[in-house]
C-alpha atoms as a PDB file:
ATOM      1  CA  UNK A   1     125.115 305.114   1.876  1.00  0.00           C
ATOM      2  CA  UNK A   2     122.164 307.412   1.283  1.00  0.00           C
ATOM      3  CA  UNK A   3     120.744 306.733  -2.151  1.00  0.00           C
ATOM      4  CA  UNK A   4     118.650 303.867  -3.449  1.00  0.00           C
ATOM      5  CA  UNK A   5     121.322 302.903  -5.986  1.00  0.00           C
ATOM      6  CA  UNK A   6     124.064 302.824  -3.347  1.00  0.00           C
ATOM      7  CA  UNK A   7     122.081 300.388  -1.228  1.00  0.00           C
ATOM      8  CA  UNK A   8     121.258 298.275  -4.275  1.00  0.00           C
ATOM      9  CA  UNK A   9     124.891 298.087  -5.367  1.00  0.00           C
ATOM     10  CA  UNK A  10     126.060 297.229  -1.860  1.00  0.00           C
ATOM     11  CA  UNK A  11     123.582 294.344  -1.557  1.00  0.00           C
ATOM     12  CA  UNK A  12     124.288 292.811  -4.961  1.00  0.00           C
ATOM     13  CA  UNK A  13     128.046 293.148  -4.590  1.00  0.00           C
ATOM     14  CA  UNK A  14     128.004 291.607  -1.116  1.00  0.00           C
ATOM     15  CA  UNK A  15     125.966 288.564  -2.093  1.00  0.00           C
ATOM     16  CA  UNK A  16     127.767 288.009  -5.395  1.00  0.00           C
ATOM     17  CA  UNK A  17     131.135 288.022  -3.620  1.00  0.00           C
ATOM     18  CA  UNK A  18     129.779 285.500  -1.098  1.00  0.00           C
ATOM     19  CA  UNK A  19     128.759 283.185  -3.943  1.00  0.00           C
ATOM     20  CA  UNK A  20     132.151 283.374  -5.630  1.00  0.00           C
ATOM     21  CA  UNK A  21     133.948 282.927  -2.302  1.00  0.00           C
ATOM     22  CA  UNK A  22     132.372 279.514  -1.713  1.00  0.00           C
ATOM     23  CA  UNK A  23     132.531 278.190  -5.273  1.00  0.00           C
ATOM     24  CA  UNK A  24     135.852 276.343  -4.855  1.00  0.00           C
ATOM     25  CA  UNK A  25     134.723 274.926  -1.532  1.00  0.00           C
ATOM     26  CA  UNK A  26     131.600 273.459  -3.120  1.00  0.00           C
ATOM     27  CA  UNK A  27     133.641 271.905  -5.917  1.00  0.00           C
ATOM     28  CA  UNK A  28     136.114 270.439  -3.414  1.00  0.00           C
ATOM     29  CA  UNK A  29     133.190 268.559  -1.842  1.00  0.00           C
ATOM     30  CA  UNK A  30     134.884 268.338   1.552  1.00  0.00           C
ATOM     31  CA  UNK A  31     132.708 270.621   3.684  1.00  0.00           C
ATOM     32  CA  UNK A  32     128.901 270.648   3.457  1.00  0.00           C
ATOM     33  CA  UNK A  33     128.841 274.163   4.940  1.00  0.00           C
ATOM     34  CA  UNK A  34     130.258 275.462   1.646  1.00  0.00           C
ATOM     35  CA  UNK A  35     127.132 274.313  -0.198  1.00  0.00           C
ATOM     36  CA  UNK A  36     124.932 275.915   2.438  1.00  0.00           C
ATOM     37  CA  UNK A  37     126.711 279.261   2.281  1.00  0.00           C
ATOM     38  CA  UNK A  38     126.725 279.402  -1.509  1.00  0.00           C
ATOM     39  CA  UNK A  39     123.033 278.548  -1.614  1.00  0.00           C
ATOM     40  CA  UNK A  40     122.297 281.298   0.916  1.00  0.00           C
ATOM     41  CA  UNK A  41     124.305 283.721  -1.213  1.00  0.00           C
ATOM     42  CA  UNK A  42     122.218 282.808  -4.249  1.00  0.00           C
ATOM     43  CA  UNK A  43     118.961 283.229  -2.365  1.00  0.00           C
ATOM     44  CA  UNK A  44     119.995 286.578  -0.953  1.00  0.00           C
ATOM     45  CA  UNK A  45     121.131 287.738  -4.387  1.00  0.00           C
ATOM     46  CA  UNK A  46     117.757 286.802  -5.813  1.00  0.00           C
ATOM     47  CA  UNK A  47     115.975 288.717  -3.057  1.00  0.00           C
ATOM     48  CA  UNK A  48     118.164 291.775  -3.649  1.00  0.00           C
ATOM     49  CA  UNK A  49     117.382 291.736  -7.379  1.00  0.00           C
ATOM     50  CA  UNK A  50     113.669 291.536  -6.586  1.00  0.00           C
ATOM     51  CA  UNK A  51     113.819 294.158  -3.854  1.00  0.00           C
ATOM     52  CA  UNK A  52     115.751 296.748  -5.868  1.00  0.00           C
ATOM     53  CA  UNK A  53     114.208 295.931  -9.237  1.00  0.00           C
ATOM     54  CA  UNK A  54     112.758 299.442  -9.558  1.00  0.00           C
ATOM     55  CA  UNK A  55     116.239 301.004  -9.705  1.00  0.00           C
ATOM     56  CA  UNK A  56     118.367 298.298 -11.366  1.00  0.00           C
ATOM     57  CA  UNK A  57     119.139 297.970 -15.062  1.00  0.00           C
ATOM     58  CA  UNK A  58     120.715 294.543 -15.206  1.00  0.00           C
ATOM     59  CA  UNK A  59     121.867 292.509 -18.222  1.00  0.00           C
ATOM     60  CA  UNK A  60     119.325 290.011 -19.598  1.00  0.00           C
ATOM     61  CA  UNK A  61     121.451 287.113 -18.395  1.00  0.00           C
ATOM     62  CA  UNK A  62     121.153 288.411 -14.828  1.00  0.00           C
ATOM     63  CA  UNK A  63     117.666 287.862 -13.472  1.00  0.00           C
ATOM     64  CA  UNK A  64     115.945 286.592 -10.357  1.00  0.00           C
ATOM     65  CA  UNK A  65     114.633 283.639 -12.363  1.00  0.00           C
ATOM     66  CA  UNK A  66     118.118 282.523 -13.476  1.00  0.00           C
ATOM     67  CA  UNK A  67     119.485 282.915  -9.955  1.00  0.00           C
ATOM     68  CA  UNK A  68     116.539 280.873  -8.686  1.00  0.00           C
ATOM     69  CA  UNK A  69     117.327 277.994 -11.049  1.00  0.00           C
ATOM     70  CA  UNK A  70     120.899 277.835  -9.787  1.00  0.00           C
ATOM     71  CA  UNK A  71     119.747 278.084  -6.183  1.00  0.00           C
ATOM     72  CA  UNK A  72     117.374 275.146  -6.624  1.00  0.00           C
ATOM     73  CA  UNK A  73     120.165 272.921  -7.957  1.00  0.00           C
ATOM     74  CA  UNK A  74     122.311 273.782  -4.937  1.00  0.00           C
ATOM     75  CA  UNK A  75     119.240 273.308  -2.766  1.00  0.00           C
ATOM     76  CA  UNK A  76     118.795 269.688  -3.795  1.00  0.00           C
ATOM     77  CA  UNK A  77     122.275 268.936  -2.500  1.00  0.00           C
ATOM     78  CA  UNK A  78     121.813 270.984   0.666  1.00  0.00           C
ATOM     79  CA  UNK A  79     118.508 269.314   1.526  1.00  0.00           C
ATOM     80  CA  UNK A  80     120.156 265.887   1.479  1.00  0.00           C
ATOM     81  CA  UNK A  81     122.898 267.141   3.791  1.00  0.00           C
ATOM     82  CA  UNK A  82     120.289 268.496   6.210  1.00  0.00           C
ATOM     83  CA  UNK A  83     118.458 265.172   6.206  1.00  0.00           C
ATOM     84  CA  UNK A  84     121.672 263.257   6.894  1.00  0.00           C
ATOM     85  CA  UNK A  85     122.520 265.577   9.770  1.00  0.00           C
ATOM     86  CA  UNK A  86     119.043 265.147  11.246  1.00  0.00           C
ATOM     87  CA  UNK A  87     119.300 261.364  11.249  1.00  0.00           C
ATOM     88  CA  UNK A  88     122.868 261.354  12.579  1.00  0.00           C
ATOM     89  CA  UNK A  89     121.830 263.639  15.442  1.00  0.00           C
ATOM     90  CA  UNK A  90     119.240 261.059  16.515  1.00  0.00           C
ATOM     91  CA  UNK A  91     121.398 257.931  16.335  1.00  0.00           C
ATOM     92  CA  UNK A  92     122.537 258.173  19.974  1.00  0.00           C
ATOM     93  CA  UNK A  93     118.895 258.101  21.098  1.00  0.00           C
ATOM     94  CA  UNK A  94     118.054 254.907  19.199  1.00  0.00           C
ATOM     95  CA  UNK A  95     118.670 251.341  20.486  1.00  0.00           C
ATOM     96  CA  UNK A  96     121.170 249.183  18.620  1.00  0.00           C
ATOM     97  CA  UNK A  97     118.527 246.831  17.242  1.00  0.00           C
ATOM     98  CA  UNK A  98     116.980 249.785  15.400  1.00  0.00           C
ATOM     99  CA  UNK A  99     120.195 251.416  14.197  1.00  0.00           C
ATOM    100  CA  UNK A 100     120.846 248.573  11.735  1.00  0.00           C
ATOM    101  CA  UNK A 101     117.675 249.568   9.899  1.00  0.00           C
ATOM    102  CA  UNK A 102     119.268 252.930   9.129  1.00  0.00           C
ATOM    103  CA  UNK A 103     121.928 251.361   6.903  1.00  0.00           C
ATOM    104  CA  UNK A 104     119.744 251.424   3.756  1.00  0.00           C
ATOM    105  CA  UNK A 105     118.725 254.978   4.639  1.00  0.00           C
ATOM    106  CA  UNK A 106     122.306 256.234   4.759  1.00  0.00           C
ATOM    107  CA  UNK A 107     123.106 254.245   1.613  1.00  0.00           C
ATOM    108  CA  UNK A 108     120.216 255.856  -0.244  1.00  0.00           C
ATOM    109  CA  UNK A 109     121.209 259.319   0.978  1.00  0.00           C
ATOM    110  CA  UNK A 110     124.786 258.754  -0.146  1.00  0.00           C
ATOM    111  CA  UNK A 111     123.685 257.673  -3.624  1.00  0.00           C
ATOM    112  CA  UNK A 112     121.298 260.601  -3.950  1.00  0.00           C
ATOM    113  CA  UNK A 113     124.002 263.010  -2.823  1.00  0.00           C
ATOM    114  CA  UNK A 114     126.495 261.691  -5.366  1.00  0.00           C
ATOM    115  CA  UNK A 115     123.908 262.264  -8.085  1.00  0.00           C
ATOM    116  CA  UNK A 116     123.092 265.785  -6.886  1.00  0.00           C
ATOM    117  CA  UNK A 117     126.767 266.684  -6.505  1.00  0.00           C
ATOM    118  CA  UNK A 118     127.360 265.726 -10.140  1.00  0.00           C
ATOM    119  CA  UNK A 119     124.543 268.099 -11.113  1.00  0.00           C
ATOM    120  CA  UNK A 120     126.177 270.893  -9.105  1.00  0.00           C
ATOM    121  CA  UNK A 121     129.603 270.168 -10.580  1.00  0.00           C
ATOM    122  CA  UNK A 122     128.109 270.276 -14.086  1.00  0.00           C
ATOM    123  CA  UNK A 123     126.354 273.530 -13.207  1.00  0.00           C
ATOM    124  CA  UNK A 124     129.656 275.379 -12.810  1.00  0.00           C
ATOM    125  CA  UNK A 125     130.535 274.669 -16.446  1.00  0.00           C
ATOM    126  CA  UNK A 126     127.032 275.410 -17.717  1.00  0.00           C
ATOM    127  CA  UNK A 127     126.172 278.661 -19.495  1.00  0.00           C
ATOM    128  CA  UNK A 128     123.416 279.275 -16.973  1.00  0.00           C
ATOM    129  CA  UNK A 129     126.018 279.865 -14.264  1.00  0.00           C
ATOM    130  CA  UNK A 130     128.953 281.100 -16.374  1.00  0.00           C
ATOM    131  CA  UNK A 131     126.942 283.815 -18.125  1.00  0.00           C
ATOM    132  CA  UNK A 132     125.333 284.955 -14.902  1.00  0.00           C
ATOM    133  CA  UNK A 133     128.717 285.352 -13.259  1.00  0.00           C
ATOM    134  CA  UNK A 134     130.347 287.060 -16.235  1.00  0.00           C
ATOM    135  CA  UNK A 135     127.503 289.508 -16.806  1.00  0.00           C
ATOM    136  CA  UNK A 136     127.199 290.354 -13.154  1.00  0.00           C
ATOM    137  CA  UNK A 137     130.932 291.080 -12.931  1.00  0.00           C
ATOM    138  CA  UNK A 138     130.587 293.465 -15.878  1.00  0.00           C
ATOM    139  CA  UNK A 139     127.638 295.189 -14.262  1.00  0.00           C
ATOM    140  CA  UNK A 140     129.463 295.622 -10.959  1.00  0.00           C
ATOM    141  CA  UNK A 141     132.358 297.246 -12.828  1.00  0.00           C
ATOM    142  CA  UNK A 142     129.982 299.583 -14.644  1.00  0.00           C
ATOM    143  CA  UNK A 143     126.555 299.619 -12.970  1.00  0.00           C
ATOM    144  CA  UNK A 144     123.466 300.980 -14.686  1.00  0.00           C
ATOM    145  CA  UNK A 145     120.341 302.293 -12.990  1.00  0.00           C
ATOM    146  CA  UNK A 146     116.958 303.781 -13.720  1.00  0.00           C
ATOM    147  CA  UNK A 147     116.191 307.482 -13.325  1.00  0.00           C
ATOM    148  CA  UNK A 148     115.375 307.199  -9.625  1.00  0.00           C
ATOM    149  CA  UNK A 149     118.865 306.074  -8.628  1.00  0.00           C
ATOM    150  CA  UNK A 150     119.553 309.188  -6.521  1.00  0.00           C
ATOM    151  CA  UNK A 151     116.379 308.999  -4.442  1.00  0.00           C
ATOM    152  CA  UNK A 152     117.042 309.038  -0.694  1.00  0.00           C
ATOM    153  CA  UNK A 153     116.596 305.511   0.715  1.00  0.00           C
ATOM    154  CA  UNK A 154     114.710 306.886   3.746  1.00  0.00           C
ATOM    155  CA  UNK A 155     112.045 308.320   1.466  1.00  0.00           C
ATOM    156  CA  UNK A 156     111.268 305.047  -0.331  1.00  0.00           C
ATOM    157  CA  UNK A 157     112.140 302.336   2.201  1.00  0.00           C
ATOM    158  CA  UNK A 158     108.567 302.004   3.531  1.00  0.00           C
ATOM    159  CA  UNK A 159     107.280 301.844  -0.055  1.00  0.00           C
ATOM    160  CA  UNK A 160     109.679 298.988  -0.755  1.00  0.00           C
ATOM    161  CA  UNK A 161     109.074 296.941   2.388  1.00  0.00           C
ATOM    162  CA  UNK A 162     105.465 297.547   3.429  1.00  0.00           C
ATOM    163  CA  UNK A 163     103.901 295.906   0.330  1.00  0.00           C
ATOM    164  CA  UNK A 164     106.009 292.811   1.003  1.00  0.00           C
ATOM    165  CA  UNK A 165     104.899 292.745   4.637  1.00  0.00           C
ATOM    166  CA  UNK A 166     101.270 293.193   3.583  1.00  0.00           C
ATOM    167  CA  UNK A 167     101.531 290.268   1.154  1.00  0.00           C
ATOM    168  CA  UNK A 168     103.044 288.184   3.931  1.00  0.00           C
ATOM    169  CA  UNK A 169     100.129 288.921   6.273  1.00  0.00           C
ATOM    170  CA  UNK A 170      97.627 288.259   3.490  1.00  0.00           C
ATOM    171  CA  UNK A 171      99.009 284.793   2.774  1.00  0.00           C
ATOM    172  CA  UNK A 172      96.073 282.323   3.112  1.00  0.00           C
ATOM    173  CA  UNK A 173      97.960 279.970   5.444  1.00  0.00           C
ATOM    174  CA  UNK A 174      97.426 282.310   8.386  1.00  0.00           C
ATOM    175  CA  UNK A 175      93.671 281.946   8.061  1.00  0.00           C
ATOM    176  CA  UNK A 176      93.194 278.200   7.556  1.00  0.00           C
ATOM    177  CA  UNK A 177      90.393 276.906   9.825  1.00  0.00           C
ATOM    178  CA  UNK A 178      91.487 274.573  12.612  1.00  0.00           C
ATOM    179  CA  UNK A 179      89.682 271.658  10.951  1.00  0.00           C
ATOM    180  CA  UNK A 180      92.027 271.866   7.941  1.00  0.00           C
ATOM    181  CA  UNK A 181      95.255 272.020   9.918  1.00  0.00           C
ATOM    182  CA  UNK A 182      97.684 269.100   9.769  1.00  0.00           C
ATOM    183  CA  UNK A 183      96.137 268.029   6.466  1.00  0.00           C
ATOM    184  CA  UNK A 184      98.366 267.541   3.420  1.00  0.00           C
ATOM    185  CA  UNK A 185      96.971 270.737   1.904  1.00  0.00           C
ATOM    186  CA  UNK A 186      97.840 272.674   5.039  1.00  0.00           C
ATOM    187  CA  UNK A 187     101.366 271.228   5.137  1.00  0.00           C
ATOM    188  CA  UNK A 188     101.923 272.373   1.550  1.00  0.00           C
ATOM    189  CA  UNK A 189     100.576 275.797   2.424  1.00  0.00           C
ATOM    190  CA  UNK A 190     102.939 276.030   5.404  1.00  0.00           C
ATOM    191  CA  UNK A 191     105.870 275.214   3.140  1.00  0.00           C
ATOM    192  CA  UNK A 192     104.825 278.018   0.786  1.00  0.00           C
ATOM    193  CA  UNK A 193     104.518 280.440   3.710  1.00  0.00           C
ATOM    194  CA  UNK A 194     108.002 279.448   4.838  1.00  0.00           C
ATOM    195  CA  UNK A 195     109.352 280.541   1.470  1.00  0.00           C
ATOM    196  CA  UNK A 196     107.551 283.857   1.823  1.00  0.00           C
ATOM    197  CA  UNK A 197     108.983 284.309   5.312  1.00  0.00           C
ATOM    198  CA  UNK A 198     112.487 283.607   4.034  1.00  0.00           C
ATOM    199  CA  UNK A 199     112.129 286.138   1.216  1.00  0.00           C
ATOM    200  CA  UNK A 200     110.783 288.800   3.570  1.00  0.00           C
ATOM    201  CA  UNK A 201     113.527 288.080   6.082  1.00  0.00           C
ATOM    202  CA  UNK A 202     116.248 288.480   3.473  1.00  0.00           C
ATOM    203  CA  UNK A 203     114.825 291.796   2.303  1.00  0.00           C
ATOM    204  CA  UNK A 204     114.456 293.107   5.842  1.00  0.00           C
ATOM    205  CA  UNK A 205     118.043 292.074   6.541  1.00  0.00           C
ATOM    206  CA  UNK A 206     119.236 294.252   3.665  1.00  0.00           C
ATOM    207  CA  UNK A 207     118.619 297.270   5.903  1.00  0.00           C
ATOM    208  CA  UNK A 208     119.197 295.698   9.309  1.00  0.00           C
ATOM    209  CA  UNK A 209     122.568 297.233  10.109  1.00  0.00           C
ATOM    210  CA  UNK A 210     121.294 300.800  10.348  1.00  0.00           C
ATOM    211  CA  UNK A 211     117.766 300.034  11.528  1.00  0.00           C
ATOM    212  CA  UNK A 212     116.053 300.734  14.837  1.00  0.00           C
ATOM    213  CA  UNK A 213     115.608 298.220  17.647  1.00  0.00           C
ATOM    214  CA  UNK A 214     111.922 297.957  16.786  1.00  0.00           C
ATOM    215  CA  UNK A 215     112.776 297.066  13.199  1.00  0.00           C
ATOM    216  CA  UNK A 216     115.234 294.420  14.363  1.00  0.00           C
ATOM    217  CA  UNK A 217     112.666 292.935  16.754  1.00  0.00           C
ATOM    218  CA  UNK A 218     110.169 292.294  13.950  1.00  0.00           C
ATOM    219  CA  UNK A 219     112.929 290.943  11.744  1.00  0.00           C
ATOM    220  CA  UNK A 220     113.658 288.400  14.483  1.00  0.00           C
ATOM    221  CA  UNK A 221     109.962 287.489  14.646  1.00  0.00           C
ATOM    222  CA  UNK A 222     109.840 286.836  10.890  1.00  0.00           C
ATOM    223  CA  UNK A 223     113.023 284.784  11.204  1.00  0.00           C
ATOM    224  CA  UNK A 224     111.360 282.749  13.948  1.00  0.00           C
ATOM    225  CA  UNK A 225     108.422 281.993  11.634  1.00  0.00           C
ATOM    226  CA  UNK A 226     110.856 280.748   9.014  1.00  0.00           C
ATOM    227  CA  UNK A 227     112.741 278.613  11.561  1.00  0.00           C
ATOM    228  CA  UNK A 228     109.634 276.959  13.002  1.00  0.00           C
ATOM    229  CA  UNK A 229     108.140 276.232   9.590  1.00  0.00           C
ATOM    230  CA  UNK A 230     111.527 274.921   8.472  1.00  0.00           C
ATOM    231  CA  UNK A 231     111.574 272.485  11.390  1.00  0.00           C
ATOM    232  CA  UNK A 232     108.081 271.287  10.485  1.00  0.00           C
ATOM    233  CA  UNK A 233     109.012 270.853   6.826  1.00  0.00           C
ATOM    234  CA  UNK A 234     112.263 269.022   7.614  1.00  0.00           C
ATOM    235  CA  UNK A 235     110.329 266.605   9.805  1.00  0.00           C
ATOM    236  CA  UNK A 236     107.770 265.985   7.049  1.00  0.00           C
ATOM    237  CA  UNK A 237     110.458 265.401   4.412  1.00  0.00           C
ATOM    238  CA  UNK A 238     112.395 263.028   6.665  1.00  0.00           C
ATOM    239  CA  UNK A 239     109.263 261.074   7.516  1.00  0.00           C
ATOM    240  CA  UNK A 240     108.406 260.604   3.836  1.00  0.00           C
ATOM    241  CA  UNK A 241     111.991 259.701   2.925  1.00  0.00           C
ATOM    242  CA  UNK A 242     112.105 256.981   5.585  1.00  0.00           C
ATOM    243  CA  UNK A 243     108.752 255.654   4.445  1.00  0.00           C
ATOM    244  CA  UNK A 244     109.889 255.423   0.815  1.00  0.00           C
ATOM    245  CA  UNK A 245     113.209 253.835   1.743  1.00  0.00           C
ATOM    246  CA  UNK A 246     111.683 251.151   3.963  1.00  0.00           C
ATOM    247  CA  UNK A 247     108.458 250.836   1.967  1.00  0.00           C
ATOM    248  CA  UNK A 248     106.562 250.856   5.245  1.00  0.00           C
ATOM    249  CA  UNK A 249     105.769 253.092   8.195  1.00  0.00           C
ATOM    250  CA  UNK A 250     108.752 253.785  10.472  1.00  0.00           C
ATOM    251  CA  UNK A 251     106.627 252.764  13.483  1.00  0.00           C
ATOM    252  CA  UNK A 252     107.153 249.151  12.450  1.00  0.00           C
ATOM    253  CA  UNK A 253     110.808 249.440  11.516  1.00  0.00           C
ATOM    254  CA  UNK A 254     112.163 251.819  14.144  1.00  0.00           C
ATOM    255  CA  UNK A 255     109.526 252.544  16.797  1.00  0.00           C
ATOM    256  CA  UNK A 256     111.929 254.565  18.963  1.00  0.00           C
ATOM    257  CA  UNK A 257     112.900 256.810  16.075  1.00  0.00           C
ATOM    258  CA  UNK A 258     109.252 257.145  15.125  1.00  0.00           C
ATOM    259  CA  UNK A 259     108.376 258.246  18.654  1.00  0.00           C
ATOM    260  CA  UNK A 260     111.197 260.806  18.669  1.00  0.00           C
ATOM    261  CA  UNK A 261     110.056 262.271  15.361  1.00  0.00           C
ATOM    262  CA  UNK A 262     106.471 262.376  16.592  1.00  0.00           C
ATOM    263  CA  UNK A 263     107.536 264.181  19.779  1.00  0.00           C
ATOM    264  CA  UNK A 264     109.610 266.678  17.806  1.00  0.00           C
ATOM    265  CA  UNK A 265     106.714 267.213  15.447  1.00  0.00           C
ATOM    266  CA  UNK A 266     104.345 268.021  18.308  1.00  0.00           C
ATOM    267  CA  UNK A 267     106.849 270.532  19.718  1.00  0.00           C
ATOM    268  CA  UNK A 268     107.212 272.225  16.329  1.00  0.00           C
ATOM    269  CA  UNK A 269     103.447 272.422  15.888  1.00  0.00           C
ATOM    270  CA  UNK A 270     102.997 273.953  19.335  1.00  0.00           C
ATOM    271  CA  UNK A 271     105.679 276.522  18.553  1.00  0.00           C
ATOM    272  CA  UNK A 272     103.871 277.330  15.312  1.00  0.00           C
ATOM    273  CA  UNK A 273     100.531 277.763  17.088  1.00  0.00           C
ATOM    274  CA  UNK A 274     102.122 280.236  19.493  1.00  0.00           C
ATOM    275  CA  UNK A 275     103.957 282.173  16.787  1.00  0.00           C
ATOM    276  CA  UNK A 276     101.001 282.348  14.408  1.00  0.00           C
ATOM    277  CA  UNK A 277      98.758 283.630  17.212  1.00  0.00           C
ATOM    278  CA  UNK A 278     101.207 286.478  17.717  1.00  0.00           C
ATOM    279  CA  UNK A 279     101.170 287.429  14.035  1.00  0.00           C
ATOM    280  CA  UNK A 280      97.379 287.340  13.954  1.00  0.00           C
ATOM    281  CA  UNK A 281      97.216 289.994  16.669  1.00  0.00           C
ATOM    282  CA  UNK A 282      96.068 293.346  15.287  1.00  0.00           C
ATOM    283  CA  UNK A 283      98.326 295.235  17.693  1.00  0.00           C
ATOM    284  CA  UNK A 284     101.316 293.196  16.555  1.00  0.00           C
ATOM    285  CA  UNK A 285     100.565 293.945  12.918  1.00  0.00           C
ATOM    286  CA  UNK A 286     100.152 297.691  13.508  1.00  0.00           C
ATOM    287  CA  UNK A 287     103.365 297.864  15.505  1.00  0.00           C
ATOM    288  CA  UNK A 288     105.197 296.004  12.743  1.00  0.00           C
ATOM    289  CA  UNK A 289     104.091 298.559  10.172  1.00  0.00           C
ATOM    290  CA  UNK A 290     105.014 301.467  12.437  1.00  0.00           C
ATOM    291  CA  UNK A 291     108.475 299.995  13.058  1.00  0.00           C
ATOM    292  CA  UNK A 292     109.112 300.149   9.312  1.00  0.00           C
ATOM    293  CA  UNK A 293     107.726 303.666   8.960  1.00  0.00           C
ATOM    294  CA  UNK A 294     109.767 304.950  11.901  1.00  0.00           C
ATOM    295  CA  UNK A 295     113.046 303.251  11.047  1.00  0.00           C
ATOM    296  CA  UNK A 296     115.283 305.584   9.030  1.00  0.00           C
ATOM    297  CA  UNK A 297     118.451 304.183   7.492  1.00  0.00           C
ATOM    298  CA  UNK A 298     121.314 306.456   8.458  1.00  0.00           C
END
């Protein structure tokens, strides 16, 4: 693959096929990994549409916005599965007298999941999903591009990726004063930065296979940002879910579980402090940019 259009087609085809591959598994509702993989496929497809927007001529029914709507519906189901897995992984560390308090939690999660699964099942018969799939199949059979479709990918790759990296570094979360950290506003800002990290990661991964070691190193660093911020967000969501379910602080209901979550939270925050300090280094930033400029795609 040498041209911009070839890379665009490869990315969209790959992610679309991943989505279709897991559709039956999601409907069967027997393996939560199917939901996860289909959601990832949707997110990566959305990123590919955004990334290659300058060369793609897609049908009106195929857009990043429509893909995003579908992804969010799948995401509601996936988030509940993640929360259930988190709690189940902690059960062995909790004394028996506290475990009984988790019964209403699991009951609530089960009810919420049944509701979200019905939404997903309905989605597959909704025009939002059906039209997207039909129109994308047609486009893959007969793709259409803009006039720059034959441009060499090596010539434009920095122009595609560097603005995204710049926007990532300019995100306000990096520069919050210490006095504002751990506030609700800061937590929301971290969640937004996590989304930006995920989008940047997906777009960097589009070109990972042929990239240099330097390129792959900085891709791993962005992935680490996403992972750490994901751990922080999962902890926040779980804490709030427990609070709403019990209508009181978990310290009173399950002190051991509360202590475990607090300990995990402190570890995640320390990891974030270390990772953010790295990204705020001027040398790190310059080297990141140079890795993109010096990473041809063969």
